[in-house]
Amino acid sequence: QELQATNRNFAKAQSELIQLETKLSVKEEEFTTKEASWKRKQPSLCIECGHREAFIPSFRVAHTSPQIEQLTKECDELLRWLTTLQRSLSDVRDRESHTS
């Protein structure tokens, strides 16, 4: 009976997998079609506009770089704090197990 239930669950999961793969392929086709259409509609830039477009992303990166560094520092600090808490918890559990 367990085997039959497992087989049913497996068949259901396989069916869901096939449905999801079909949906994925449809979405990939839609994306490819939209991307190709978008590329055809892209206007070309004059030299001056091209230079401006190239400057703006580099400005954005320079502007967000300190923010990224700050977030990285905060993440590192949180990871150190988490590690410290895990060690403390482990120590407390060890002490509890030795006292009982």
C-alpha atoms as a PDB file:
ATOM      1  CA  GLN A   1       0.000   0.000   0.000  1.00  0.00           C
ATOM      2  CA  GLU A   2       2.884   2.362   0.794  1.00  0.00           C
ATOM      3  CA  LEU A   3       4.479   1.381  -2.492  1.00  0.00           C
ATOM      4  CA  GLN A   4       1.312   2.258  -4.378  1.00  0.00           C
ATOM      5  CA  ALA A   5       1.083   5.628  -2.621  1.00  0.00           C
ATOM      6  CA  THR A   6       4.742   6.299  -3.411  1.00  0.00           C
ATOM      7  CA  ASN A   7       4.176   5.341  -7.054  1.00  0.00           C
ATOM      8  CA  ARG A   8       1.179   7.678  -7.248  1.00  0.00           C
ATOM      9  CA  ASN A   9       3.196  10.500  -5.696  1.00  0.00           C
ATOM     10  CA  PHE A  10       6.037   9.803  -8.118  1.00  0.00           C
ATOM     11  CA  ALA A  11       3.687   9.812 -11.119  1.00  0.00           C
ATOM     12  CA  LYS A  12       2.118  13.053  -9.911  1.00  0.00           C
ATOM     13  CA  ALA A  13       5.544  14.643  -9.439  1.00  0.00           C
ATOM     14  CA  GLN A  14       6.597  13.485 -12.908  1.00  0.00           C
ATOM     15  CA  SER A  15       3.446  14.967 -14.407  1.00  0.00           C
ATOM     16  CA  GLU A  16       4.060  18.271 -12.615  1.00  0.00           C
ATOM     17  CA  LEU A  17       7.669  18.242 -13.832  1.00  0.00           C
ATOM     18  CA  ILE A  18       6.561  17.787 -17.434  1.00  0.00           C
ATOM     19  CA  GLN A  19       4.036  20.611 -17.073  1.00  0.00           C
ATOM     20  CA  LEU A  20       6.682  22.918 -15.587  1.00  0.00           C
ATOM     21  CA  GLU A  21       9.194  22.029 -18.306  1.00  0.00           C
ATOM     22  CA  THR A  22       6.554  22.854 -20.922  1.00  0.00           C
ATOM     23  CA  LYS A  23       5.784  26.183 -19.260  1.00  0.00           C
ATOM     24  CA  LEU A  24       9.502  26.945 -19.051  1.00  0.00           C
ATOM     25  CA  SER A  25      10.064  26.256 -22.735  1.00  0.00           C
ATOM     26  CA  VAL A  26       7.082  28.469 -23.627  1.00  0.00           C
ATOM     27  CA  LYS A  27       8.451  31.291 -21.453  1.00  0.00           C
ATOM     28  CA  GLU A  28      11.922  30.869 -22.986  1.00  0.00           C
ATOM     29  CA  GLU A  29      10.428  31.119 -26.477  1.00  0.00           C
ATOM     30  CA  GLU A  30       8.458  34.231 -25.470  1.00  0.00           C
ATOM     31  CA  PHE A  31      11.598  35.797 -24.005  1.00  0.00           C
ATOM     32  CA  THR A  32      13.663  34.995 -27.082  1.00  0.00           C
ATOM     33  CA  THR A  33      10.979  36.447 -29.338  1.00  0.00           C
ATOM     34  CA  LYS A  34      10.657  39.613 -27.238  1.00  0.00           C
ATOM     35  CA  GLU A  35      14.439  39.997 -27.036  1.00  0.00           C
ATOM     36  CA  ALA A  36      14.826  39.662 -30.802  1.00  0.00           C
ATOM     37  CA  SER A  37      12.014  42.146 -31.342  1.00  0.00           C
ATOM     38  CA  TRP A  38      13.568  44.565 -28.856  1.00  0.00           C
ATOM     39  CA  LYS A  39      16.968  44.325 -30.540  1.00  0.00           C
ATOM     40  CA  ARG A  40      15.434  45.183 -33.907  1.00  0.00           C
ATOM     41  CA  LYS A  41      13.755  48.242 -32.416  1.00  0.00           C
ATOM     42  CA  GLN A  42      16.910  49.533 -30.692  1.00  0.00           C
ATOM     43  CA  PRO A  43      17.928  52.820 -32.224  1.00  0.00           C
ATOM     44  CA  SER A  44      21.574  53.478 -32.861  1.00  0.00           C
ATOM     45  CA  LEU A  45      23.271  56.290 -30.973  1.00  0.00           C
ATOM     46  CA  CYS A  46      25.317  59.141 -32.305  1.00  0.00           C
ATOM     47  CA  ILE A  47      28.878  59.423 -30.994  1.00  0.00           C
ATOM     48  CA  GLU A  48      28.022  62.128 -28.451  1.00  0.00           C
ATOM     49  CA  CYS A  49      25.055  60.176 -27.077  1.00  0.00           C
ATOM     50  CA  GLY A  50      27.143  57.011 -26.961  1.00  0.00           C
ATOM     51  CA  HIS A  51      29.782  58.757 -24.843  1.00  0.00           C
ATOM     52  CA  ARG A  52      27.070  60.058 -22.518  1.00  0.00           C
ATOM     53  CA  GLU A  53      25.552  56.583 -22.184  1.00  0.00           C
ATOM     54  CA  ALA A  54      28.975  55.142 -21.409  1.00  0.00           C
ATOM     55  CA  PHE A  55      29.618  57.798 -18.749  1.00  0.00           C
ATOM     56  CA  ILE A  56      26.328  57.367 -16.864  1.00  0.00           C
ATOM     57  CA  PRO A  57      26.811  53.685 -15.864  1.00  0.00           C
ATOM     58  CA  SER A  58      30.377  54.343 -14.718  1.00  0.00           C
ATOM     59  CA  PHE A  59      29.080  57.232 -12.595  1.00  0.00           C
ATOM     60  CA  ARG A  60      26.399  54.983 -11.098  1.00  0.00           C
ATOM     61  CA  VAL A  61      28.952  52.307 -10.273  1.00  0.00           C
ATOM     62  CA  ALA A  62      31.261  54.843  -8.629  1.00  0.00           C
ATOM     63  CA  HIS A  63      28.325  56.231  -6.684  1.00  0.00           C
ATOM     64  CA  THR A  64      27.075  52.840  -5.461  1.00  0.00           C
ATOM     65  CA  SER A  65      30.505  51.402  -4.707  1.00  0.00           C
ATOM     66  CA  PRO A  66      30.650  52.894  -1.179  1.00  0.00           C
ATOM     67  CA  GLN A  67      27.174  51.513  -0.527  1.00  0.00           C
ATOM     68  CA  ILE A  68      28.267  48.060  -1.636  1.00  0.00           C
ATOM     69  CA  GLU A  69      31.354  48.269   0.569  1.00  0.00           C
ATOM     70  CA  GLN A  70      29.226  49.330   3.548  1.00  0.00           C
ATOM     71  CA  LEU A  71      26.798  46.452   2.987  1.00  0.00           C
ATOM     72  CA  THR A  72      29.701  44.031   2.680  1.00  0.00           C
ATOM     73  CA  LYS A  73      31.143  45.264   5.996  1.00  0.00           C
ATOM     74  CA  GLU A  74      27.768  44.927   7.693  1.00  0.00           C
ATOM     75  CA  CYS A  75      27.346  41.418   6.295  1.00  0.00           C
ATOM     76  CA  ASP A  76      30.795  40.405   7.544  1.00  0.00           C
ATOM     77  CA  GLU A  77      30.035  41.801  10.996  1.00  0.00           C
ATOM     78  CA  LEU A  78      26.735  39.947  11.135  1.00  0.00           C
ATOM     79  CA  LEU A  79      28.430  36.701  10.116  1.00  0.00           C
ATOM     80  CA  ARG A  80      31.071  37.147  12.839  1.00  0.00           C
ATOM     81  CA  TRP A  81      28.331  37.860  15.376  1.00  0.00           C
ATOM     82  CA  LEU A  82      26.362  34.803  14.234  1.00  0.00           C
ATOM     83  CA  THR A  83      29.451  32.619  14.553  1.00  0.00           C
ATOM     84  CA  THR A  84      30.032  33.932  18.069  1.00  0.00           C
ATOM     85  CA  LEU A  85      26.427  33.205  19.020  1.00  0.00           C
ATOM     86  CA  GLN A  86      26.656  29.697  17.585  1.00  0.00           C
ATOM     87  CA  ARG A  87      29.790  29.003  19.629  1.00  0.00           C
ATOM     88  CA  SER A  88      28.115  30.344  22.765  1.00  0.00           C
ATOM     89  CA  LEU A  89      25.063  28.187  22.141  1.00  0.00           C
ATOM     90  CA  SER A  90      27.263  25.166  21.589  1.00  0.00           C
ATOM     91  CA  ASP A  91      29.104  25.864  24.851  1.00  0.00           C
ATOM     92  CA  VAL A  92      25.837  26.198  26.754  1.00  0.00           C
ATOM     93  CA  ARG A  93      24.571  22.920  25.299  1.00  0.00           C
ATOM     94  CA  ASP A  94      27.828  21.180  26.246  1.00  0.00           C
ATOM     95  CA  ARG A  95      27.578  22.472  29.800  1.00  0.00           C
ATOM     96  CA  GLU A  96      23.948  21.372  30.027  1.00  0.00           C
ATOM     97  CA  SER A  97      24.767  17.897  28.785  1.00  0.00           C
ATOM     98  CA  HIS A  98      27.623  17.565  31.295  1.00  0.00           C
ATOM     99  CA  THR A  99      25.482  18.696  34.233  1.00  0.00           C
ATOM    100  CA  SER A 100      22.654  16.260  33.578  1.00  0.00           C
END
